[in-house]
Amino acid sequence: MKKVIVVAVIVLMTGACASSDMRDDGSMTSASNAASMNIAEVAMSTGMHNTLVTALKSAGLASMLMESGSYTVFAPTDAAFAKLPAGTVEMLLKPENRDKLRSILQYHVVPGRVSAQQVSAMTSAKSASGQTLRISTMNNQVMIGNAHVVKADVAANNGVVHVIDTVLMPPGM
């Protein structure tokens, strides 16, 4: 396992392919454009990670996604957050729940750049929250916990993003 760096970079990234990024309107931008942006900038530019960006700001973690480093983020889309039980996002955004929100967001981050090819060969990874993410492959589909990776290898200048279709909840939450 790689050394865990507590940088909650969760939630973010684009619906993108290895060679391009998909915007919310379905238009594509080149991968080189995404690779010149940090993870936070990529998340803010997609139109598909607004809830993630809001959560990062609420948890006081948005600036961390702009820092240099090397991170892998499993970024849930707005649709993934919408699948949570009614009122969950609103409850987590309250100031009194900041620590819980931080823990959830950090659970989506793994230190170091881990490509889709590397992830598919793993069975687990240590998250920035210190907890272990379960990884599996079924029918050539990579799963992080109960989330499917829907877009992989979105490059940023401080890491890589793999877009997922479900918000990951740390054990015990």
Protein backbone atom coordinates (compact mmCIF):
# COMPACT_ATOMS: atom_id res chain seq x y z
CA MET A 1 0.00 0.00 0.00
CA LYS A 2 1.18 3.49 -0.68
CA LYS A 3 1.55 6.02 2.09
CA VAL A 4 -1.75 7.74 2.69
CA ILE A 5 -1.79 11.47 2.23
CA VAL A 6 -4.82 13.05 3.76
CA VAL A 7 -6.04 15.22 0.99
CA ALA A 8 -9.67 14.98 0.42
CA VAL A 9 -9.90 15.23 -3.20
CA ILE A 10 -12.85 13.33 -3.65
CA VAL A 11 -15.38 14.13 -5.56
CA LEU A 12 -14.55 15.44 -8.58
CA MET A 13 -13.69 14.81 -12.03
CA THR A 14 -15.10 14.74 -15.30
CA GLY A 15 -16.99 12.35 -17.38
CA ALA A 16 -14.07 11.77 -19.62
CA CYS A 17 -12.26 9.22 -21.65
CA ALA A 18 -8.55 8.57 -21.76
CA SER A 19 -8.19 10.72 -24.86
CA SER A 20 -10.85 13.35 -24.17
CA ASP A 21 -13.11 14.90 -21.55
CA MET A 22 -16.88 15.01 -21.82
CA ARG A 23 -18.70 18.10 -20.67
CA ASP A 24 -22.23 18.04 -19.28
CA ASP A 25 -23.56 19.23 -22.64
CA GLY A 26 -21.91 16.24 -24.34
CA SER A 27 -19.20 18.29 -26.02
CA MET A 28 -15.63 17.09 -25.82
CA THR A 29 -12.40 18.84 -24.92
CA SER A 30 -8.94 17.47 -25.52
CA ALA A 31 -7.15 15.48 -22.84
CA SER A 32 -4.25 17.90 -23.03
CA ASN A 33 -6.56 20.67 -21.80
CA ALA A 34 -7.64 18.58 -18.80
CA ALA A 35 -4.05 17.56 -18.11
CA SER A 36 -3.07 21.21 -17.75
CA MET A 37 -5.72 21.72 -15.03
CA ASN A 38 -5.62 20.54 -11.44
CA ILE A 39 -8.26 18.19 -10.10
CA ALA A 40 -10.42 21.00 -8.67
CA GLU A 41 -10.38 22.89 -11.97
CA VAL A 42 -11.34 19.77 -13.88
CA ALA A 43 -14.24 19.10 -11.50
CA MET A 44 -15.46 22.67 -11.76
CA SER A 45 -15.30 22.59 -15.55
CA THR A 46 -17.36 19.47 -16.18
CA GLY A 47 -20.82 20.58 -15.14
CA MET A 48 -21.25 17.01 -13.85
CA HIS A 49 -19.57 17.38 -10.47
CA ASN A 50 -21.36 20.42 -9.01
CA THR A 51 -22.45 18.54 -5.89
CA LEU A 52 -18.93 17.26 -5.35
CA VAL A 53 -17.47 20.75 -5.70
CA THR A 54 -20.08 22.13 -3.26
CA ALA A 55 -19.26 19.35 -0.79
CA LEU A 56 -15.52 20.00 -1.08
CA LYS A 57 -16.05 23.69 -0.37
CA SER A 58 -18.35 22.94 2.57
CA ALA A 59 -15.81 20.50 4.03
CA GLY A 60 -12.97 23.01 3.60
CA LEU A 61 -11.20 20.70 1.14
CA ALA A 62 -11.53 22.51 -2.20
CA SER A 63 -8.14 24.24 -1.99
CA MET A 64 -6.44 20.90 -1.37
CA LEU A 65 -7.49 19.74 -4.84
CA MET A 66 -5.53 22.61 -6.29
CA GLU A 67 -2.27 21.67 -4.58
CA SER A 68 0.54 19.86 -6.28
CA GLY A 69 0.87 16.20 -5.53
CA SER A 70 -0.19 12.95 -6.98
CA TYR A 71 -3.69 11.71 -6.23
CA THR A 72 -6.24 9.31 -7.61
CA VAL A 73 -9.83 10.42 -7.14
CA PHE A 74 -12.88 8.24 -7.57
CA ALA A 75 -15.27 11.09 -8.40
CA PRO A 76 -19.03 10.60 -8.09
CA THR A 77 -21.18 12.57 -10.51
CA ASP A 78 -24.17 14.71 -9.58
CA ALA A 79 -26.36 11.75 -10.60
CA ALA A 80 -24.47 9.58 -8.08
CA PHE A 81 -25.23 12.05 -5.28
CA ALA A 82 -28.87 12.14 -6.40
CA LYS A 83 -29.11 8.39 -5.70
CA LEU A 84 -28.51 8.97 -1.97
CA PRO A 85 -31.59 8.93 0.27
CA ALA A 86 -33.56 12.19 0.24
CA GLY A 87 -32.03 14.85 2.50
CA THR A 88 -28.62 13.14 2.83
CA VAL A 89 -26.64 15.71 0.88
CA GLU A 90 -28.34 18.62 2.64
CA MET A 91 -27.66 17.01 6.04
CA LEU A 92 -23.98 16.45 5.20
CA LEU A 93 -23.52 20.07 4.06
CA LYS A 94 -24.52 21.42 7.49
CA PRO A 95 -21.58 22.86 9.48
CA GLU A 96 -22.14 20.45 12.36
CA ASN A 97 -21.54 17.52 9.97
CA ARG A 98 -18.28 18.82 8.52
CA ASP A 99 -16.12 16.01 9.97
CA LYS A 100 -18.45 13.32 8.60
CA LEU A 101 -18.45 14.98 5.17
CA ARG A 102 -14.65 15.23 5.19
CA SER A 103 -14.37 11.53 6.02
CA ILE A 104 -16.72 10.59 3.17
CA LEU A 105 -14.84 12.75 0.69
CA GLN A 106 -11.42 11.48 1.76
CA TYR A 107 -12.71 7.93 1.29
CA HIS A 108 -12.83 8.68 -2.45
CA VAL A 109 -9.12 9.56 -2.67
CA VAL A 110 -6.07 7.32 -2.95
CA PRO A 111 -2.56 8.77 -2.83
CA GLY A 112 -0.51 8.49 -6.01
CA ARG A 113 -1.49 8.19 -9.66
CA VAL A 114 -3.20 4.86 -10.17
CA SER A 115 -4.22 4.18 -13.76
CA ALA A 116 -7.29 2.19 -14.73
CA GLN A 117 -5.04 -0.68 -15.77
CA GLN A 118 -3.40 -0.69 -12.32
CA VAL A 119 -6.76 -0.38 -10.52
CA SER A 120 -8.16 -3.35 -12.44
CA ALA A 121 -5.34 -5.53 -11.10
CA MET A 122 -5.96 -4.51 -7.47
CA THR A 123 -8.31 -5.99 -4.86
CA SER A 124 -8.08 -3.08 -2.42
CA ALA A 125 -6.52 0.32 -1.88
CA LYS A 126 -5.91 2.47 1.19
CA SER A 127 -7.91 5.72 0.97
CA ALA A 128 -6.90 9.14 2.29
CA SER A 129 -9.36 8.57 5.16
CA GLY A 130 -7.22 5.62 6.25
CA GLN A 131 -9.88 3.08 5.36
CA THR A 132 -9.60 0.37 2.75
CA LEU A 133 -11.51 0.54 -0.53
CA ARG A 134 -12.63 -2.80 -1.95
CA ILE A 135 -11.89 -3.20 -5.67
CA SER A 136 -13.22 -5.90 -7.97
CA THR A 137 -13.67 -6.62 -11.65
CA MET A 138 -16.82 -8.25 -12.97
CA ASN A 139 -17.51 -8.76 -16.68
CA ASN A 140 -14.61 -6.43 -17.53
CA GLN A 141 -16.23 -3.71 -15.40
CA VAL A 142 -14.16 -2.23 -12.55
CA MET A 143 -16.02 -1.74 -9.28
CA ILE A 144 -14.91 0.38 -6.34
CA GLY A 145 -17.08 -0.90 -3.54
CA ASN A 146 -20.54 -0.88 -5.10
CA ALA A 147 -19.70 1.86 -7.62
CA HIS A 148 -18.95 1.26 -11.29
CA VAL A 149 -16.11 3.18 -12.90
CA VAL A 150 -17.89 4.85 -15.83
CA LYS A 151 -14.98 6.93 -17.17
CA ALA A 152 -11.35 6.21 -16.41
CA ASP A 153 -7.98 7.90 -16.60
CA VAL A 154 -9.06 11.55 -16.70
CA ALA A 155 -5.70 13.28 -16.40
CA ALA A 156 -5.04 16.34 -14.24
CA ASN A 157 -1.72 17.97 -13.47
CA ASN A 158 -1.90 16.71 -9.88
CA GLY A 159 -3.39 13.28 -10.41
CA VAL A 160 -5.92 11.15 -12.20
CA VAL A 161 -9.68 10.88 -11.89
CA HIS A 162 -11.90 7.87 -12.38
CA VAL A 163 -15.58 8.87 -12.60
CA ILE A 164 -17.95 6.64 -10.62
CA ASP A 165 -21.73 6.23 -10.60
CA THR A 166 -22.27 5.88 -6.83
CA VAL A 167 -21.11 7.80 -3.77
CA LEU A 168 -18.85 5.59 -1.64
CA MET A 169 -19.68 5.45 2.06
CA PRO A 170 -16.97 4.45 4.52
CA PRO A 171 -17.75 1.43 6.69
CA GLY A 172 -19.83 2.41 9.68
CA MET A 173 -21.61 5.33 7.99
